[in-house]
Amino acid sequence: DRSSRALRLSSRTSARPPAAGHPQCRTRPPPMEDIPPTFFPATRAAHLVVNYINYRRGSPHRVYTAGSVSQARKEDIDEADGSKKRKYLLTFSLEELYKKGVAANCTAEIIYHVNPQTAPEIKYTLDKELEQDTQEADHAFHAKMKSLPEPLEMGKIPDDYGNMSPEMEPVRILAFVATGYVVWQNATEETKYNMVQVKSVQQVKREDEFVEFIYLVFIHDMVSQEILPWKLQVVWHPEHGVEVKENSRQPRYERECQCR
């Protein structure tokens, strides 16, 4: 009869496989994979996080480095729009460059945008507050820069043999901290950037409370061994931190910087 035919038709329809794009057809993403903590992609990702932390938290007298990575996991992510990402979860020690010992233990999530390539997403937490014991030195450096009769202008910090006057160390460290922004914005899984030299620095005279420098720095890509000249406009205040106003990659120089 008519009702039995409708029941048979309903059974046939429900037995059809779901159409492409239906939630039931989507492949489940692979689970996160444990990787050796000493694996280069893990240590490279930790290096990236530290550059991000330096830009957010560093100063002319406070800069951090990555200690040992104790745990690392990764996951490939295929989004519905076709974009591809790779996520890393890391636990590593954060060390302050001019002090011995661990400043804090860091847990971080890094998401590289594989296609299309954009700046990595970085989130991190620390197991304790970072010490703020460089404020006196930072304020003294700020006052010195604001009171110079003529704006600072200097080349090659350090020089090609590694020599540098002690009073130029905060100028170099501020460039290193600011370069953390460039490293973060331009990082991929195929790069590992590190600033190796300030080619030149020019202070810009300002009437407000901020200090401003125009830096030309050499950035070493430790993967390709390429030296990248980069120009940065940097403003800084000990109470407000560092900000990169503008930055741009410059034409390639001849081999002027000896990376050690």
C-alpha atoms as a PDB file:
ATOM      1  CA  ASP A   1       0.000   0.000   0.000  1.00  0.00           C
ATOM      2  CA  ARG A   2       0.921   3.674  -0.073  1.00  0.00           C
ATOM      3  CA  SER A   3       2.211   3.837   3.534  1.00  0.00           C
ATOM      4  CA  SER A   4       4.519   0.818   3.119  1.00  0.00           C
ATOM      5  CA  ARG A   5       6.004   2.294  -0.081  1.00  0.00           C
ATOM      6  CA  ALA A   6       6.723   5.555   1.789  1.00  0.00           C
ATOM      7  CA  LEU A   7       8.429   3.604   4.580  1.00  0.00           C
ATOM      8  CA  ARG A   8      10.640   1.731   2.095  1.00  0.00           C
ATOM      9  CA  LEU A   9      11.535   5.023   0.368  1.00  0.00           C
ATOM     10  CA  SER A  10      12.415   6.622   3.700  1.00  0.00           C
ATOM     11  CA  SER A  11      14.678   3.676   4.556  1.00  0.00           C
ATOM     12  CA  ARG A  12      16.522   3.938   1.223  1.00  0.00           C
ATOM     13  CA  THR A  13      17.003   7.706   1.636  1.00  0.00           C
ATOM     14  CA  SER A  14      18.423   7.419   5.149  1.00  0.00           C
ATOM     15  CA  ALA A  15      20.849   4.725   3.992  1.00  0.00           C
ATOM     16  CA  ARG A  16      22.540   7.054   1.504  1.00  0.00           C
ATOM     17  CA  PRO A  17      26.012   8.258   2.515  1.00  0.00           C
ATOM     18  CA  PRO A  18      26.149  11.906   3.646  1.00  0.00           C
ATOM     19  CA  ALA A  19      27.101  14.455   0.997  1.00  0.00           C
ATOM     20  CA  ALA A  20      30.596  15.907   0.756  1.00  0.00           C
ATOM     21  CA  GLY A  21      31.066  18.712   3.257  1.00  0.00           C
ATOM     22  CA  HIS A  22      28.570  17.198   5.668  1.00  0.00           C
ATOM     23  CA  PRO A  23      29.944  17.128   9.248  1.00  0.00           C
ATOM     24  CA  GLN A  24      29.921  13.323   9.192  1.00  0.00           C
ATOM     25  CA  CYS A  25      32.261  13.366   6.178  1.00  0.00           C
ATOM     26  CA  ARG A  26      34.926  15.581   7.703  1.00  0.00           C
ATOM     27  CA  THR A  27      38.031  13.673   8.632  1.00  0.00           C
ATOM     28  CA  ARG A  28      38.969  13.939  12.244  1.00  0.00           C
ATOM     29  CA  PRO A  29      42.222  15.887  12.770  1.00  0.00           C
ATOM     30  CA  PRO A  30      45.194  13.795  13.825  1.00  0.00           C
ATOM     31  CA  PRO A  31      45.929  13.936  17.547  1.00  0.00           C
ATOM     32  CA  MET A  32      48.790  16.003  18.919  1.00  0.00           C
ATOM     33  CA  GLU A  33      52.116  14.272  18.493  1.00  0.00           C
ATOM     34  CA  ASP A  34      54.822  14.198  21.140  1.00  0.00           C
ATOM     35  CA  ILE A  35      58.191  15.237  19.724  1.00  0.00           C
ATOM     36  CA  PRO A  36      61.635  15.135  21.371  1.00  0.00           C
ATOM     37  CA  PRO A  37      62.221  18.359  23.350  1.00  0.00           C
ATOM     38  CA  THR A  38      65.641  18.700  21.741  1.00  0.00           C
ATOM     39  CA  PHE A  39      64.110  18.427  18.246  1.00  0.00           C
ATOM     40  CA  PHE A  40      65.113  21.526  16.243  1.00  0.00           C
ATOM     41  CA  PRO A  41      61.519  22.625  15.444  1.00  0.00           C
ATOM     42  CA  ALA A  42      60.807  22.614  19.197  1.00  0.00           C
ATOM     43  CA  THR A  43      63.852  24.667  20.175  1.00  0.00           C
ATOM     44  CA  ARG A  44      63.244  27.008  17.226  1.00  0.00           C
ATOM     45  CA  ALA A  45      59.668  27.610  18.394  1.00  0.00           C
ATOM     46  CA  ALA A  46      60.945  28.329  21.928  1.00  0.00           C
ATOM     47  CA  HIS A  47      63.391  30.836  20.427  1.00  0.00           C
ATOM     48  CA  LEU A  48      60.468  32.542  18.705  1.00  0.00           C
ATOM     49  CA  VAL A  49      58.461  32.767  21.940  1.00  0.00           C
ATOM     50  CA  VAL A  50      61.420  34.367  23.720  1.00  0.00           C
ATOM     51  CA  ASN A  51      61.727  37.013  21.001  1.00  0.00           C
ATOM     52  CA  TYR A  52      58.014  37.745  21.484  1.00  0.00           C
ATOM     53  CA  ILE A  53      58.496  37.992  25.266  1.00  0.00           C
ATOM     54  CA  ASN A  54      61.500  40.280  24.831  1.00  0.00           C
ATOM     55  CA  TYR A  55      59.478  42.665  22.694  1.00  0.00           C
ATOM     56  CA  ARG A  56      56.642  42.678  25.234  1.00  0.00           C
ATOM     57  CA  ARG A  57      58.663  42.611  28.451  1.00  0.00           C
ATOM     58  CA  GLY A  58      62.288  43.509  27.669  1.00  0.00           C
ATOM     59  CA  SER A  59      64.219  46.736  28.272  1.00  0.00           C
ATOM     60  CA  PRO A  60      67.736  48.128  27.674  1.00  0.00           C
ATOM     61  CA  HIS A  61      68.850  46.202  30.773  1.00  0.00           C
ATOM     62  CA  ARG A  62      66.539  43.181  30.672  1.00  0.00           C
ATOM     63  CA  VAL A  63      66.547  40.551  27.933  1.00  0.00           C
ATOM     64  CA  TYR A  64      65.608  36.874  28.052  1.00  0.00           C
ATOM     65  CA  THR A  65      66.853  33.703  26.408  1.00  0.00           C
ATOM     66  CA  ALA A  66      65.353  30.229  26.081  1.00  0.00           C
ATOM     67  CA  GLY A  67      66.712  27.560  28.375  1.00  0.00           C
ATOM     68  CA  SER A  68      66.048  23.870  27.918  1.00  0.00           C
ATOM     69  CA  VAL A  69      62.773  22.608  26.459  1.00  0.00           C
ATOM     70  CA  SER A  70      61.281  19.947  28.733  1.00  0.00           C
ATOM     71  CA  GLN A  71      58.143  19.037  26.779  1.00  0.00           C
ATOM     72  CA  ALA A  72      57.043  19.503  23.170  1.00  0.00           C
ATOM     73  CA  ARG A  73      54.022  18.463  21.103  1.00  0.00           C
ATOM     74  CA  LYS A  74      52.814  19.405  17.632  1.00  0.00           C
ATOM     75  CA  GLU A  75      49.628  19.146  15.602  1.00  0.00           C
ATOM     76  CA  ASP A  76      48.746  19.775  11.958  1.00  0.00           C
ATOM     77  CA  ILE A  77      45.526  21.742  11.468  1.00  0.00           C
ATOM     78  CA  ASP A  78      43.545  21.791   8.214  1.00  0.00           C
ATOM     79  CA  GLU A  79      40.861  24.461   8.348  1.00  0.00           C
ATOM     80  CA  ALA A  80      37.546  24.267   6.486  1.00  0.00           C
ATOM     81  CA  ASP A  81      38.579  27.222   4.303  1.00  0.00           C
ATOM     82  CA  GLY A  82      41.626  25.313   3.024  1.00  0.00           C
ATOM     83  CA  SER A  83      44.203  27.097   5.157  1.00  0.00           C
ATOM     84  CA  LYS A  84      46.864  25.030   6.890  1.00  0.00           C
ATOM     85  CA  LYS A  85      48.404  25.589  10.296  1.00  0.00           C
ATOM     86  CA  ARG A  86      50.820  23.805  12.591  1.00  0.00           C
ATOM     87  CA  LYS A  87      50.525  24.131  16.341  1.00  0.00           C
ATOM     88  CA  TYR A  88      53.255  23.538  18.907  1.00  0.00           C
ATOM     89  CA  LEU A  89      52.776  23.217  22.656  1.00  0.00           C
ATOM     90  CA  LEU A  90      55.994  23.753  24.608  1.00  0.00           C
ATOM     91  CA  THR A  91      57.246  23.864  28.151  1.00  0.00           C
ATOM     92  CA  PHE A  92      60.673  25.425  28.611  1.00  0.00           C
ATOM     93  CA  SER A  93      62.728  27.477  31.037  1.00  0.00           C
ATOM     94  CA  LEU A  94      63.058  31.226  30.559  1.00  0.00           C
ATOM     95  CA  GLU A  95      66.410  32.689  31.558  1.00  0.00           C
ATOM     96  CA  GLU A  96      67.489  36.294  31.966  1.00  0.00           C
ATOM     97  CA  LEU A  97      70.651  36.975  29.972  1.00  0.00           C
ATOM     98  CA  TYR A  98      72.578  38.833  32.665  1.00  0.00           C
ATOM     99  CA  LYS A  99      71.644  36.571  35.550  1.00  0.00           C
ATOM    100  CA  LYS A 100      72.261  32.982  36.457  1.00  0.00           C
ATOM    101  CA  GLY A 101      69.385  30.599  36.926  1.00  0.00           C
ATOM    102  CA  VAL A 102      65.832  30.322  35.660  1.00  0.00           C
ATOM    103  CA  ALA A 103      63.652  33.452  35.658  1.00  0.00           C
ATOM    104  CA  ALA A 104      60.456  31.413  35.173  1.00  0.00           C
ATOM    105  CA  ASN A 105      59.092  28.293  33.545  1.00  0.00           C
ATOM    106  CA  CYS A 106      57.111  29.034  30.413  1.00  0.00           C
ATOM    107  CA  THR A 107      54.254  27.133  28.803  1.00  0.00           C
ATOM    108  CA  ALA A 108      53.544  28.343  25.284  1.00  0.00           C
ATOM    109  CA  GLU A 109      51.268  27.692  22.321  1.00  0.00           C
ATOM    110  CA  ILE A 110      52.628  28.649  18.899  1.00  0.00           C
ATOM    111  CA  ILE A 111      50.539  28.418  15.746  1.00  0.00           C
ATOM    112  CA  TYR A 112      52.388  28.792  12.450  1.00  0.00           C
ATOM    113  CA  HIS A 113      50.250  29.744   9.469  1.00  0.00           C
ATOM    114  CA  VAL A 114      51.596  27.453   6.762  1.00  0.00           C
ATOM    115  CA  ASN A 115      49.242  28.530   3.964  1.00  0.00           C
ATOM    116  CA  PRO A 116      48.754  31.438   3.691  1.00  0.00           C
ATOM    117  CA  GLN A 117      51.828  32.569   5.635  1.00  0.00           C
ATOM    118  CA  THR A 118      51.163  35.259   8.225  1.00  0.00           C
ATOM    119  CA  ALA A 119      52.724  36.088  11.597  1.00  0.00           C
ATOM    120  CA  PRO A 120      52.555  33.178  14.056  1.00  0.00           C
ATOM    121  CA  GLU A 121      50.029  33.284  16.879  1.00  0.00           C
ATOM    122  CA  ILE A 122      51.740  33.110  20.280  1.00  0.00           C
ATOM    123  CA  LYS A 123      50.239  32.606  23.721  1.00  0.00           C
ATOM    124  CA  TYR A 124      52.282  31.970  26.837  1.00  0.00           C
ATOM    125  CA  THR A 125      51.986  31.695  30.600  1.00  0.00           C
ATOM    126  CA  LEU A 126      54.693  31.884  33.263  1.00  0.00           C
ATOM    127  CA  ASP A 127      54.697  30.020  36.545  1.00  0.00           C
ATOM    128  CA  LYS A 128      55.752  33.166  38.411  1.00  0.00           C
ATOM    129  CA  GLU A 129      56.084  36.906  37.939  1.00  0.00           C
ATOM    130  CA  LEU A 130      59.260  38.169  36.326  1.00  0.00           C
ATOM    131  CA  GLU A 131      61.486  40.344  38.490  1.00  0.00           C
ATOM    132  CA  GLN A 132      61.337  44.077  37.805  1.00  0.00           C
ATOM    133  CA  ASP A 133      64.741  44.993  39.210  1.00  0.00           C
ATOM    134  CA  THR A 134      66.128  46.968  36.253  1.00  0.00           C
ATOM    135  CA  GLN A 135      63.904  50.022  36.662  1.00  0.00           C
ATOM    136  CA  GLU A 136      66.609  52.161  38.249  1.00  0.00           C
ATOM    137  CA  ALA A 137      69.099  51.400  35.468  1.00  0.00           C
ATOM    138  CA  ASP A 138      66.409  51.908  32.805  1.00  0.00           C
ATOM    139  CA  HIS A 139      65.411  55.307  34.204  1.00  0.00           C
ATOM    140  CA  ALA A 140      69.066  56.357  34.407  1.00  0.00           C
ATOM    141  CA  PHE A 141      69.620  55.386  30.775  1.00  0.00           C
ATOM    142  CA  HIS A 142      66.451  57.227  29.763  1.00  0.00           C
ATOM    143  CA  ALA A 143      67.568  60.405  31.576  1.00  0.00           C
ATOM    144  CA  LYS A 144      71.012  60.187  29.981  1.00  0.00           C
ATOM    145  CA  MET A 145      69.600  59.866  26.464  1.00  0.00           C
ATOM    146  CA  LYS A 146      67.197  62.789  27.013  1.00  0.00           C
ATOM    147  CA  SER A 147      69.972  65.041  28.356  1.00  0.00           C
ATOM    148  CA  LEU A 148      72.533  64.528  25.571  1.00  0.00           C
ATOM    149  CA  PRO A 149      73.526  67.906  24.056  1.00  0.00           C
ATOM    150  CA  GLU A 150      73.434  66.296  20.610  1.00  0.00           C
ATOM    151  CA  PRO A 151      71.401  63.237  19.587  1.00  0.00           C
ATOM    152  CA  LEU A 152      73.344  59.989  19.669  1.00  0.00           C
ATOM    153  CA  GLU A 153      74.757  58.744  16.386  1.00  0.00           C
ATOM    154  CA  MET A 154      76.899  55.624  16.223  1.00  0.00           C
ATOM    155  CA  GLY A 155      77.898  52.845  13.850  1.00  0.00           C
ATOM    156  CA  LYS A 156      78.675  49.145  14.312  1.00  0.00           C
ATOM    157  CA  ILE A 157      77.699  48.051  17.827  1.00  0.00           C
ATOM    158  CA  PRO A 158      79.665  45.887  18.401  1.00  0.00           C
ATOM    159  CA  ASP A 159      82.363  46.268  15.773  1.00  0.00           C
ATOM    160  CA  ASP A 160      83.319  43.374  13.495  1.00  0.00           C
ATOM    161  CA  TYR A 161      85.689  42.046  16.167  1.00  0.00           C
ATOM    162  CA  GLY A 162      83.109  42.027  18.953  1.00  0.00           C
ATOM    163  CA  ASN A 163      84.370  45.154  20.709  1.00  0.00           C
ATOM    164  CA  MET A 164      81.911  47.594  22.259  1.00  0.00           C
ATOM    165  CA  SER A 165      82.098  50.344  24.857  1.00  0.00           C
ATOM    166  CA  PRO A 166      80.042  49.563  28.005  1.00  0.00           C
ATOM    167  CA  GLU A 167      77.840  52.658  27.597  1.00  0.00           C
ATOM    168  CA  MET A 168      76.666  51.337  24.215  1.00  0.00           C
ATOM    169  CA  GLU A 169      75.424  48.037  25.664  1.00  0.00           C
ATOM    170  CA  PRO A 170      71.934  49.387  26.568  1.00  0.00           C
ATOM    171  CA  VAL A 171      71.627  50.868  23.071  1.00  0.00           C
ATOM    172  CA  ARG A 172      72.416  47.454  21.570  1.00  0.00           C
ATOM    173  CA  ILE A 173      70.096  45.577  23.939  1.00  0.00           C
ATOM    174  CA  LEU A 174      67.236  47.940  23.124  1.00  0.00           C
ATOM    175  CA  ALA A 175      67.783  47.150  19.435  1.00  0.00           C
ATOM    176  CA  PHE A 176      67.785  43.429  20.268  1.00  0.00           C
ATOM    177  CA  VAL A 177      64.514  43.773  22.199  1.00  0.00           C
ATOM    178  CA  ALA A 178      62.897  45.755  19.376  1.00  0.00           C
ATOM    179  CA  THR A 179      64.085  43.234  16.787  1.00  0.00           C
ATOM    180  CA  GLY A 180      61.968  40.668  18.623  1.00  0.00           C
ATOM    181  CA  TYR A 181      59.013  42.270  16.864  1.00  0.00           C
ATOM    182  CA  VAL A 182      60.591  41.712  13.430  1.00  0.00           C
ATOM    183  CA  VAL A 183      61.426  38.110  14.327  1.00  0.00           C
ATOM    184  CA  TRP A 184      57.838  37.445  15.434  1.00  0.00           C
ATOM    185  CA  GLN A 185      56.178  39.100  12.443  1.00  0.00           C
ATOM    186  CA  ASN A 186      58.391  37.376   9.847  1.00  0.00           C
ATOM    187  CA  ALA A 187      58.943  33.948  11.399  1.00  0.00           C
ATOM    188  CA  THR A 188      58.025  30.723   9.624  1.00  0.00           C
ATOM    189  CA  GLU A 189      58.921  27.109  10.307  1.00  0.00           C
ATOM    190  CA  GLU A 190      61.766  27.560   7.847  1.00  0.00           C
ATOM    191  CA  THR A 191      63.516  30.428   9.682  1.00  0.00           C
ATOM    192  CA  LYS A 192      65.354  31.141  12.911  1.00  0.00           C
ATOM    193  CA  TYR A 193      66.323  34.793  13.212  1.00  0.00           C
ATOM    194  CA  ASN A 194      68.790  36.418  15.585  1.00  0.00           C
ATOM    195  CA  MET A 195      70.075  40.000  15.641  1.00  0.00           C
ATOM    196  CA  VAL A 196      73.874  39.998  15.501  1.00  0.00           C
ATOM    197  CA  GLN A 197      74.915  43.632  15.054  1.00  0.00           C
ATOM    198  CA  VAL A 198      73.674  47.208  15.073  1.00  0.00           C
ATOM    199  CA  LYS A 199      75.003  48.563  11.793  1.00  0.00           C
ATOM    200  CA  SER A 200      74.060  52.129  12.749  1.00  0.00           C
ATOM    201  CA  VAL A 201      71.857  54.022  15.189  1.00  0.00           C
ATOM    202  CA  GLN A 202      70.589  57.584  15.100  1.00  0.00           C
ATOM    203  CA  GLN A 203      68.678  59.177  17.929  1.00  0.00           C
ATOM    204  CA  VAL A 204      65.698  61.322  16.948  1.00  0.00           C
ATOM    205  CA  LYS A 205      65.217  64.410  19.100  1.00  0.00           C
ATOM    206  CA  ARG A 206      61.745  64.516  20.672  1.00  0.00           C
ATOM    207  CA  GLU A 207      59.974  67.046  22.848  1.00  0.00           C
ATOM    208  CA  ASP A 208      57.870  64.465  24.692  1.00  0.00           C
ATOM    209  CA  GLU A 209      58.943  61.894  27.278  1.00  0.00           C
ATOM    210  CA  PHE A 210      59.884  59.132  24.850  1.00  0.00           C
ATOM    211  CA  VAL A 211      63.295  58.233  23.455  1.00  0.00           C
ATOM    212  CA  GLU A 212      63.415  57.426  19.744  1.00  0.00           C
ATOM    213  CA  PHE A 213      66.067  55.674  17.678  1.00  0.00           C
ATOM    214  CA  ILE A 214      66.404  54.775  14.017  1.00  0.00           C
ATOM    215  CA  TYR A 215      68.291  51.483  13.882  1.00  0.00           C
ATOM    216  CA  LEU A 216      69.806  49.612  10.990  1.00  0.00           C
ATOM    217  CA  VAL A 217      70.494  46.091  12.244  1.00  0.00           C
ATOM    218  CA  PHE A 218      71.868  42.888  10.799  1.00  0.00           C
ATOM    219  CA  ILE A 219      69.653  39.854  11.390  1.00  0.00           C
ATOM    220  CA  HIS A 220      71.146  36.398  10.899  1.00  0.00           C
ATOM    221  CA  ASP A 221      68.887  33.609   9.664  1.00  0.00           C
ATOM    222  CA  MET A 222      70.518  30.613  11.294  1.00  0.00           C
ATOM    223  CA  VAL A 223      68.786  28.238   8.870  1.00  0.00           C
ATOM    224  CA  SER A 224      69.753  29.794   5.518  1.00  0.00           C
ATOM    225  CA  GLN A 225      72.867  31.566   6.926  1.00  0.00           C
ATOM    226  CA  GLU A 226      71.649  34.733   5.200  1.00  0.00           C
ATOM    227  CA  ILE A 227      72.312  38.181   6.685  1.00  0.00           C
ATOM    228  CA  LEU A 228      69.255  40.442   6.485  1.00  0.00           C
ATOM    229  CA  PRO A 229      69.660  44.225   6.889  1.00  0.00           C
ATOM    230  CA  TRP A 230      66.603  45.695   8.620  1.00  0.00           C
ATOM    231  CA  LYS A 231      65.631  49.264   9.454  1.00  0.00           C
ATOM    232  CA  LEU A 232      63.560  49.966  12.562  1.00  0.00           C
ATOM    233  CA  GLN A 233      62.004  53.106  14.002  1.00  0.00           C
ATOM    234  CA  VAL A 234      61.874  52.462  17.748  1.00  0.00           C
ATOM    235  CA  VAL A 235      60.362  54.482  20.585  1.00  0.00           C
ATOM    236  CA  TRP A 236      60.871  53.581  24.232  1.00  0.00           C
ATOM    237  CA  HIS A 237      60.078  54.738  27.734  1.00  0.00           C
ATOM    238  CA  PRO A 238      60.907  52.843  30.944  1.00  0.00           C
ATOM    239  CA  GLU A 239      57.274  52.993  32.082  1.00  0.00           C
ATOM    240  CA  HIS A 240      55.684  52.183  28.732  1.00  0.00           C
ATOM    241  CA  GLY A 241      58.089  49.719  27.120  1.00  0.00           C
ATOM    242  CA  VAL A 242      59.307  49.506  23.544  1.00  0.00           C
ATOM    243  CA  GLU A 243      57.328  49.950  20.352  1.00  0.00           C
ATOM    244  CA  VAL A 244      58.424  49.475  16.758  1.00  0.00           C
ATOM    245  CA  LYS A 245      56.702  52.246  14.811  1.00  0.00           C
ATOM    246  CA  GLU A 246      58.002  51.232  11.390  1.00  0.00           C
ATOM    247  CA  ASN A 247      60.266  48.513  10.052  1.00  0.00           C
ATOM    248  CA  SER A 248      61.461  47.453   6.615  1.00  0.00           C
ATOM    249  CA  ARG A 249      63.920  45.031   5.121  1.00  0.00           C
ATOM    250  CA  GLN A 250      66.751  46.839   3.362  1.00  0.00           C
ATOM    251  CA  PRO A 251      68.733  45.984   0.202  1.00  0.00           C
ATOM    252  CA  ARG A 252      71.309  43.299   0.794  1.00  0.00           C
ATOM    253  CA  TYR A 253      74.739  44.498   1.884  1.00  0.00           C
ATOM    254  CA  GLU A 254      78.045  42.986   1.002  1.00  0.00           C
ATOM    255  CA  ARG A 255      79.530  40.833   3.700  1.00  0.00           C
ATOM    256  CA  GLU A 256      80.136  43.521   6.342  1.00  0.00           C
ATOM    257  CA  CYS A 257      79.109  41.635   9.433  1.00  0.00           C
ATOM    258  CA  GLN A 258      81.101  38.724  10.797  1.00  0.00           C
ATOM    259  CA  CYS A 259      78.647  36.491  12.659  1.00  0.00           C
ATOM    260  CA  ARG A 260      80.256  34.679  15.534  1.00  0.00           C
END
